[in-house]
């Protein structure tokens, strides 16, 4: 075999290798959702879940202003899906039940400097779309009806040990928490204040976030349970979960301000 033919064969083999690797990369579910295989998107070798990825994208600010004037909803969603690398699907059966078509026109004044989640909420407040919303289900952002969304409960675990104020009043040296006089954790016995701190937090959530959606109110299906150490296990609809997350973020911001003010004035 001549040198030319050998060189040509090597080039062809190299090209074939690139094509095969490209096909394998296309089959990688991380690429499907705009992720890469770097450690940034992995946790102990496990790729970040689709739900976490979608939520992260929804919480990002808009890349560019959104403005629509009679654009078709399906085209709007396709454009957003492409720009933000989001898997978006329509819940056709649910939309058919209320006679709303993906071909419904969307008119929206320019939106800037808001999160993508807020922009989507504004889109589904437009005339003809008020009965629609979105949830994360089966690894996609599903455009569905408010009724369907409110029937779908999701269990999310929230870390809330940073709301334990007992370290400021607890003399046992540990961080007690729990309910009803159970044992503490972290080396200290649980005081009554520990139980009050966490029960106050759960009460704030169930009384200020969609009160009628909780089983405790007698009108809903949502449930909330405290688990050691410092976790709230909440079964609720995705819309309520979003409001819970917003409430906890606000509480943390105010808590940080109070702690900062106390630390600043501690020398006086």
Protein backbone atom coordinates (compact mmCIF):
# COMPACT_ATOMS: atom_id res chain seq x y z
CA UNK A 1 0.00 0.00 0.00
CA UNK A 2 1.40 3.42 -0.93
CA UNK A 3 2.02 6.20 1.57
CA UNK A 4 -0.76 8.23 -0.01
CA UNK A 5 -3.29 5.42 0.38
CA UNK A 6 -2.16 4.81 3.97
CA UNK A 7 -2.55 8.48 4.76
CA UNK A 8 -5.98 8.56 3.13
CA UNK A 9 -7.07 5.52 5.14
CA UNK A 10 -5.93 7.15 8.40
CA UNK A 11 -7.82 10.31 7.54
CA UNK A 12 -10.97 8.33 6.81
CA UNK A 13 -10.65 6.42 10.06
CA UNK A 14 -10.19 9.65 11.98
CA UNK A 15 -13.24 11.17 10.28
CA UNK A 16 -15.29 8.08 11.08
CA UNK A 17 -14.20 8.33 14.70
CA UNK A 18 -15.35 11.95 14.86
CA UNK A 19 -18.72 11.04 13.34
CA UNK A 20 -19.23 8.18 15.80
CA UNK A 21 -18.30 10.36 18.77
CA UNK A 22 -20.69 13.04 17.52
CA UNK A 23 -23.52 10.52 17.31
CA UNK A 24 -22.77 9.27 20.79
CA UNK A 25 -22.73 12.82 22.08
CA UNK A 26 -26.10 13.48 20.48
CA UNK A 27 -27.51 10.51 22.39
CA UNK A 28 -26.24 11.86 25.71
CA UNK A 29 -29.30 13.08 27.65
CA UNK A 30 -27.17 15.84 29.16
CA UNK A 31 -26.73 17.34 25.68
CA UNK A 32 -30.48 17.09 25.07
CA UNK A 33 -31.07 19.50 27.93
CA UNK A 34 -28.14 21.78 27.16
CA UNK A 35 -25.90 20.30 29.86
CA UNK A 36 -22.31 19.21 29.58
CA UNK A 37 -20.50 16.27 31.12
CA UNK A 38 -18.16 18.37 33.25
CA UNK A 39 -18.02 18.10 37.02
CA UNK A 40 -19.90 21.42 37.21
CA UNK A 41 -23.08 19.58 36.25
CA UNK A 42 -22.44 16.43 38.27
CA UNK A 43 -22.78 15.47 41.90
CA UNK A 44 -20.66 12.49 42.92
CA UNK A 45 -20.81 11.15 39.38
CA UNK A 46 -24.58 11.62 39.05
CA UNK A 47 -25.84 14.15 36.53
CA UNK A 48 -28.04 16.92 37.80
CA UNK A 49 -31.71 16.03 37.51
CA UNK A 50 -33.78 17.47 34.71
CA UNK A 51 -36.08 19.13 37.23
CA UNK A 52 -33.22 20.99 38.90
CA UNK A 53 -31.87 22.03 35.53
CA UNK A 54 -35.25 23.32 34.34
CA UNK A 55 -35.81 25.22 37.59
CA UNK A 56 -32.37 26.79 37.30
CA UNK A 57 -33.16 27.99 33.77
CA UNK A 58 -36.57 29.32 34.84
CA UNK A 59 -34.92 31.37 37.59
CA UNK A 60 -32.43 32.99 35.20
CA UNK A 61 -33.06 36.54 33.94
CA UNK A 62 -34.23 36.95 30.37
CA UNK A 63 -31.44 36.87 27.82
CA UNK A 64 -33.32 39.38 25.69
CA UNK A 65 -36.62 41.30 25.99
CA UNK A 66 -39.75 39.33 25.18
CA UNK A 67 -42.43 41.00 23.09
CA UNK A 68 -45.26 39.44 21.11
CA UNK A 69 -47.95 40.88 18.87
CA UNK A 70 -50.31 38.17 17.73
CA UNK A 71 -47.66 35.45 17.72
CA UNK A 72 -48.89 31.85 17.92
CA UNK A 73 -48.37 30.22 21.32
CA UNK A 74 -46.72 27.13 19.86
CA UNK A 75 -44.21 29.34 18.02
CA UNK A 76 -43.56 31.34 21.18
CA UNK A 77 -42.84 28.16 23.14
CA UNK A 78 -40.65 26.78 20.35
CA UNK A 79 -38.60 29.99 20.32
CA UNK A 80 -38.18 29.94 24.10
CA UNK A 81 -37.32 26.23 24.05
CA UNK A 82 -34.61 26.82 21.46
CA UNK A 83 -33.12 29.93 23.05
CA UNK A 84 -33.04 28.57 26.61
CA UNK A 85 -32.41 24.88 25.80
CA UNK A 86 -35.64 23.88 27.51
CA UNK A 87 -37.66 20.75 26.71
CA UNK A 88 -41.22 22.12 26.37
CA UNK A 89 -44.30 20.03 25.62
CA UNK A 90 -48.04 20.71 25.47
CA UNK A 91 -50.47 18.64 27.53
CA UNK A 92 -52.75 18.16 24.52
CA UNK A 93 -55.42 16.17 26.34
CA UNK A 94 -55.77 18.77 29.11
CA UNK A 95 -55.85 21.67 26.61
CA UNK A 96 -58.50 19.89 24.53
CA UNK A 97 -60.73 19.54 27.60
CA UNK A 98 -60.99 23.32 27.92
CA UNK A 99 -60.83 24.01 24.18
CA UNK A 100 -57.59 25.99 24.17
CA UNK A 101 -55.36 25.51 21.17
CA UNK A 102 -51.56 25.89 20.96
CA UNK A 103 -52.41 28.09 17.95
CA UNK A 104 -53.87 30.76 20.25
CA UNK A 105 -52.34 34.15 19.60
CA UNK A 106 -50.12 35.83 22.20
CA UNK A 107 -49.83 39.58 22.65
CA UNK A 108 -47.38 40.79 25.27
CA UNK A 109 -45.86 44.20 25.95
CA UNK A 110 -42.04 44.21 26.14
CA UNK A 111 -40.72 42.38 29.19
CA UNK A 112 -37.20 43.09 30.46
CA UNK A 113 -35.06 42.32 33.48
CA UNK A 114 -37.33 39.62 34.91
CA UNK A 115 -36.78 35.90 35.36
CA UNK A 116 -37.92 33.55 32.62
CA UNK A 117 -40.37 32.03 35.11
CA UNK A 118 -42.02 35.41 35.64
CA UNK A 119 -42.16 36.01 31.89
CA UNK A 120 -43.96 32.70 31.35
CA UNK A 121 -46.39 33.57 34.14
CA UNK A 122 -47.15 36.85 32.35
CA UNK A 123 -47.70 35.04 29.04
CA UNK A 124 -50.29 32.79 30.65
CA UNK A 125 -52.14 35.78 32.08
CA UNK A 126 -52.95 37.08 28.62
CA UNK A 127 -56.55 36.94 27.31
CA UNK A 128 -57.44 33.43 26.19
CA UNK A 129 -54.58 31.83 28.11
CA UNK A 130 -55.63 32.51 31.72
CA UNK A 131 -56.53 28.86 32.29
CA UNK A 132 -53.05 27.64 31.37
CA UNK A 133 -49.90 27.24 33.43
CA UNK A 134 -46.78 25.10 33.41
CA UNK A 135 -45.36 22.35 35.59
CA UNK A 136 -42.24 20.20 35.47
CA UNK A 137 -43.22 16.61 34.80
CA UNK A 138 -41.43 13.66 33.21
CA UNK A 139 -38.31 15.77 32.66
CA UNK A 140 -40.07 18.40 30.54
CA UNK A 141 -41.71 21.77 31.06
CA UNK A 142 -45.33 20.81 30.49
CA UNK A 143 -47.84 23.44 29.34
CA UNK A 144 -51.08 22.34 30.95
CA UNK A 145 -54.26 23.64 32.59
CA UNK A 146 -54.55 25.16 36.05
CA UNK A 147 -56.96 22.37 36.99
CA UNK A 148 -54.52 19.66 35.92
CA UNK A 149 -51.62 21.40 37.66
CA UNK A 150 -53.58 21.72 40.88
CA UNK A 151 -54.29 17.98 40.84
CA UNK A 152 -50.62 17.05 40.62
CA UNK A 153 -48.82 16.86 43.95
CA UNK A 154 -45.04 16.84 44.15
CA UNK A 155 -42.93 16.01 47.19
CA UNK A 156 -40.02 18.37 47.80
CA UNK A 157 -37.66 18.35 50.78
CA UNK A 158 -36.58 21.77 52.05
CA UNK A 159 -33.55 22.32 54.24
CA UNK A 160 -34.56 24.75 56.98
CA UNK A 161 -31.99 24.19 59.74
CA UNK A 162 -30.83 27.79 59.27
CA UNK A 163 -34.13 28.91 60.79
CA UNK A 164 -33.26 27.19 64.10
CA UNK A 165 -32.76 30.12 66.45
CA UNK A 166 -32.15 27.91 69.45
CA UNK A 167 -28.39 28.41 69.26
CA UNK A 168 -29.00 31.91 70.55
CA UNK A 169 -30.97 30.75 73.60
CA UNK A 170 -30.07 27.09 74.02
CA UNK A 171 -27.63 26.42 76.86
CA UNK A 172 -26.97 22.79 76.09
CA UNK A 173 -24.39 23.53 73.41
CA UNK A 174 -26.19 21.59 70.68
CA UNK A 175 -28.76 22.36 68.06
CA UNK A 176 -31.98 20.78 69.17
CA UNK A 177 -34.91 20.50 66.86
CA UNK A 178 -38.00 18.44 66.35
CA UNK A 179 -41.44 18.42 67.85
CA UNK A 180 -43.27 17.34 70.92
CA UNK A 181 -40.34 16.95 73.29
CA UNK A 182 -38.29 14.44 71.28
CA UNK A 183 -34.52 14.10 71.55
CA UNK A 184 -32.18 16.73 70.22
CA UNK A 185 -29.27 16.33 67.84
CA UNK A 186 -25.76 17.70 67.67
CA UNK A 187 -24.99 16.91 71.30
CA UNK A 188 -27.58 18.97 73.13
CA UNK A 189 -30.98 18.29 74.63
CA UNK A 190 -33.91 19.91 72.89
CA UNK A 191 -35.50 22.85 74.62
CA UNK A 192 -39.07 24.02 74.20
CA UNK A 193 -37.91 26.94 72.10
CA UNK A 194 -36.56 24.53 69.46
CA UNK A 195 -39.99 23.05 68.89
CA UNK A 196 -41.60 26.50 68.81
CA UNK A 197 -39.15 27.77 66.19
CA UNK A 198 -39.94 25.04 63.70
CA UNK A 199 -43.65 24.82 64.40
CA UNK A 200 -43.82 28.57 63.85
CA UNK A 201 -42.18 28.15 60.46
CA UNK A 202 -44.61 25.44 59.36
CA UNK A 203 -47.52 27.56 60.59
CA UNK A 204 -46.29 30.58 58.64
CA UNK A 205 -46.12 28.47 55.49
CA UNK A 206 -49.53 26.82 55.81
CA UNK A 207 -51.36 30.00 56.80
CA UNK A 208 -49.78 32.45 54.33
CA UNK A 209 -49.20 30.30 51.23
CA UNK A 210 -52.46 29.17 49.60
CA UNK A 211 -54.28 28.50 52.88
CA UNK A 212 -57.08 26.48 51.22
CA UNK A 213 -54.60 24.09 49.56
CA UNK A 214 -53.52 22.37 52.81
CA UNK A 215 -55.10 19.26 54.29
CA UNK A 216 -54.86 20.88 57.71
CA UNK A 217 -57.32 23.56 56.57
CA UNK A 218 -59.84 20.87 55.65
CA UNK A 219 -60.09 22.07 52.05
CA UNK A 220 -56.88 20.88 50.35
CA UNK A 221 -54.51 17.96 49.90
CA UNK A 222 -51.14 19.54 50.70
CA UNK A 223 -49.17 18.21 53.66
CA UNK A 224 -46.10 19.37 55.55
CA UNK A 225 -43.96 17.33 57.95
CA UNK A 226 -40.82 18.16 59.94
CA UNK A 227 -37.96 15.67 59.94
CA UNK A 228 -34.62 15.68 61.69
CA UNK A 229 -32.24 17.30 61.20
CA UNK A 230 -33.92 20.50 60.01
CA UNK A 231 -35.90 19.30 56.99
CA UNK A 232 -39.44 20.04 55.85
CA UNK A 233 -41.05 17.39 53.67
CA UNK A 234 -43.83 19.08 51.72
CA UNK A 235 -46.34 17.52 49.36
CA UNK A 236 -47.95 20.24 47.27
CA UNK A 237 -48.65 21.40 43.75
CA UNK A 238 -45.80 22.95 41.82
CA UNK A 239 -47.42 26.38 41.94
CA UNK A 240 -47.58 26.27 45.72
CA UNK A 241 -43.99 25.01 45.90
CA UNK A 242 -42.86 28.07 43.95
CA UNK A 243 -44.59 30.35 46.45
CA UNK A 244 -43.05 28.42 49.37
CA UNK A 245 -39.59 28.89 47.85
CA UNK A 246 -40.24 32.61 47.43
CA UNK A 247 -41.43 32.91 51.04
CA UNK A 248 -38.37 31.08 52.40
CA UNK A 249 -36.08 33.29 50.32
CA UNK A 250 -37.73 36.42 51.74
CA UNK A 251 -37.55 35.08 55.28
CA UNK A 252 -33.84 34.36 54.85
CA UNK A 253 -33.20 37.86 53.52
CA UNK A 254 -34.93 39.52 56.48
CA UNK A 255 -33.28 37.11 58.93
CA UNK A 256 -29.85 38.04 57.51
CA UNK A 257 -30.66 41.74 57.89
CA UNK A 258 -31.69 41.25 61.51
CA UNK A 259 -28.57 39.22 62.30
CA UNK A 260 -26.39 41.83 60.60
CA UNK A 261 -28.02 44.63 62.60
CA UNK A 262 -27.56 42.67 65.84
CA UNK A 263 -23.91 42.01 65.07
CA UNK A 264 -23.32 45.64 64.18
CA UNK A 265 -24.85 46.83 67.42
CA UNK A 266 -23.32 44.13 69.61
CA UNK A 267 -20.53 46.43 70.75
CA UNK A 268 -22.85 49.07 72.16
